[in-house]
Amino acid sequence: MSKKPAGFGIRVLADFLDFFILSLPIALAFYWIKGDYSYEWAMGWTWQIIYTIYMTALPLLWSGYIIGKRMFNINIRRMDEGKLTFKNMFLREFIGKFLLMYVTLGISSIVSVFMLIFRKDKRTIHDLIARTYVSYGK
């Protein structure tokens, strides 16, 4: 099977779409509960935990897709083309994105952007750690 890696633009658009799809209902729920609109919930650990769980669990349940990636017909796949496992997604989202970003003070995210732009296979740090890639279609 030929790998068709998804590039920078499509992945960024899918991530922005996921952010809005997930954050809007949460913001509305906080508004209905508290009676006022505030970004405080997004500034602490609450948002990071919710977003990391979403990004880890949904691809396992939906064949590598999250809502934004599904809308752009790209999905997360293992390098060996096997089925995604919890280990893959934990390494990708928690270790490769969340934890590494905090340990490196965000430098790993900047490096990942350059890797996504300049690497032929379009794999980032979290893709290398989890042995995954993002590709078009099935």
Protein backbone atom coordinates (compact mmCIF):
# COMPACT_ATOMS: atom_id res chain seq x y z
CA MET A 1 0.00 0.00 0.00
CA SER A 2 1.30 3.44 -0.94
CA LYS A 3 1.44 6.01 1.83
CA LYS A 4 0.02 9.45 0.97
CA PRO A 5 1.13 11.62 3.91
CA ALA A 6 -1.01 14.60 4.83
CA GLY A 7 0.86 17.90 4.83
CA PHE A 8 1.03 20.89 7.11
CA GLY A 9 -1.97 22.90 5.86
CA ILE A 10 -4.56 20.12 5.98
CA ARG A 11 -3.39 18.92 9.41
CA VAL A 12 -3.50 22.44 10.87
CA LEU A 13 -7.01 23.00 9.47
CA ALA A 14 -8.19 19.69 10.94
CA ASP A 15 -6.67 20.56 14.34
CA PHE A 16 -8.32 24.01 14.39
CA LEU A 17 -11.64 22.44 13.47
CA ASP A 18 -11.30 19.90 16.27
CA PHE A 19 -10.42 22.64 18.74
CA PHE A 20 -13.60 24.56 17.91
CA ILE A 21 -15.81 21.48 17.74
CA LEU A 22 -14.64 20.40 21.20
CA SER A 23 -14.26 23.76 22.94
CA LEU A 24 -17.57 25.35 21.90
CA PRO A 25 -19.84 22.78 23.64
CA ILE A 26 -17.60 22.82 26.73
CA ALA A 27 -17.68 26.63 26.86
CA LEU A 28 -21.48 26.58 26.52
CA ALA A 29 -21.78 23.99 29.28
CA PHE A 30 -19.67 26.13 31.62
CA TYR A 31 -21.80 29.15 30.69
CA TRP A 32 -25.00 27.29 31.55
CA ILE A 33 -23.55 25.97 34.82
CA LYS A 34 -21.86 29.16 36.05
CA GLY A 35 -24.07 31.77 34.40
CA ASP A 36 -21.20 33.76 32.93
CA TYR A 37 -18.74 33.19 30.12
CA SER A 38 -15.13 32.66 31.12
CA TYR A 39 -11.97 31.22 29.59
CA GLU A 40 -10.63 30.13 32.99
CA TRP A 41 -11.43 26.47 32.33
CA ALA A 42 -9.24 26.58 29.22
CA MET A 43 -6.26 28.08 31.04
CA GLY A 44 -5.66 25.23 33.46
CA TRP A 45 -5.34 21.48 33.41
CA THR A 46 -9.04 20.88 32.72
CA TRP A 47 -8.81 21.68 29.02
CA GLN A 48 -5.52 19.77 28.53
CA ILE A 49 -6.95 16.65 30.16
CA ILE A 50 -10.19 16.77 28.15
CA TYR A 51 -8.37 17.45 24.87
CA THR A 52 -5.75 14.74 25.45
CA ILE A 53 -8.42 12.16 26.29
CA TYR A 54 -10.38 13.16 23.17
CA MET A 55 -7.29 12.95 20.94
CA THR A 56 -6.29 9.60 22.45
CA ALA A 57 -9.64 7.80 22.64
CA LEU A 58 -11.54 8.85 19.52
CA PRO A 59 -8.99 7.53 16.97
CA LEU A 60 -9.10 4.16 18.73
CA LEU A 61 -12.88 4.04 18.39
CA TRP A 62 -13.06 5.52 14.88
CA SER A 63 -10.27 3.88 12.84
CA GLY A 64 -7.72 6.67 13.26
CA TYR A 65 -10.11 9.56 12.71
CA ILE A 66 -11.06 12.46 14.91
CA ILE A 67 -13.83 14.79 13.77
CA GLY A 68 -11.59 17.34 12.06
CA LYS A 69 -9.48 14.72 10.35
CA ARG A 70 -12.61 12.88 9.20
CA MET A 71 -13.99 16.05 7.62
CA PHE A 72 -10.77 16.43 5.61
CA ASN A 73 -10.49 12.67 4.90
CA ILE A 74 -7.16 12.18 6.70
CA ASN A 75 -6.48 9.75 9.51
CA ILE A 76 -3.82 8.50 11.89
CA ARG A 77 -2.22 5.19 10.94
CA ARG A 78 0.48 2.93 12.25
CA MET A 79 3.65 2.63 10.18
CA ASP A 80 3.13 -1.15 9.91
CA GLU A 81 -0.50 -0.54 8.78
CA GLY A 82 -1.83 -2.49 11.78
CA LYS A 83 -4.76 -1.38 13.91
CA LEU A 84 -4.09 1.57 16.24
CA THR A 85 -3.62 0.55 19.85
CA PHE A 86 -3.92 2.42 23.13
CA LYS A 87 -0.12 2.29 23.37
CA ASN A 88 0.25 4.05 19.99
CA MET A 89 -2.19 6.78 20.93
CA PHE A 90 -0.83 7.19 24.48
CA LEU A 91 2.71 7.57 23.14
CA ARG A 92 1.50 9.95 20.41
CA GLU A 93 -0.82 12.23 22.37
CA PHE A 94 0.30 12.09 26.00
CA ILE A 95 4.06 11.49 25.74
CA GLY A 96 4.80 12.94 22.28
CA LYS A 97 2.57 16.00 22.44
CA PHE A 98 1.41 16.84 25.96
CA LEU A 99 4.36 15.79 28.16
CA LEU A 100 7.16 16.60 25.72
CA MET A 101 5.69 20.04 25.01
CA TYR A 102 5.80 20.92 28.72
CA VAL A 103 9.24 19.43 29.32
CA THR A 104 10.75 21.31 26.35
CA LEU A 105 8.75 24.50 27.03
CA GLY A 106 7.09 24.25 23.62
CA ILE A 107 10.27 23.80 21.58
CA SER A 108 9.19 20.29 20.53
CA SER A 109 6.04 21.77 18.97
CA ILE A 110 8.10 24.21 16.92
CA VAL A 111 10.45 21.44 15.82
CA SER A 112 7.42 19.31 14.85
CA VAL A 113 6.09 22.09 12.62
CA PHE A 114 9.40 22.22 10.75
CA MET A 115 9.47 18.43 10.50
CA LEU A 116 5.96 18.45 9.06
CA ILE A 117 6.90 21.09 6.50
CA PHE A 118 10.31 19.76 5.42
CA ARG A 119 10.27 15.97 5.91
CA LYS A 120 9.19 14.03 2.85
CA ASP A 121 7.15 11.57 4.98
CA LYS A 122 5.54 14.48 6.93
CA ARG A 123 6.09 12.76 10.29
CA THR A 124 6.50 14.85 13.43
CA ILE A 125 8.11 14.09 16.79
CA HIS A 126 4.91 12.55 18.18
CA ASP A 127 4.54 10.44 15.01
CA LEU A 128 8.09 9.13 15.39
CA ILE A 129 7.58 8.31 19.07
CA ALA A 130 4.32 6.43 18.42
CA ARG A 131 5.37 4.94 15.05
CA THR A 132 2.41 6.57 13.32
CA TYR A 133 1.75 8.89 10.39
CA VAL A 134 -1.22 10.89 9.08
CA SER A 135 -2.45 9.98 5.61
CA TYR A 136 -5.20 10.72 3.13
CA GLY A 137 -8.13 8.33 2.72
CA LYS A 138 -8.38 4.66 3.59
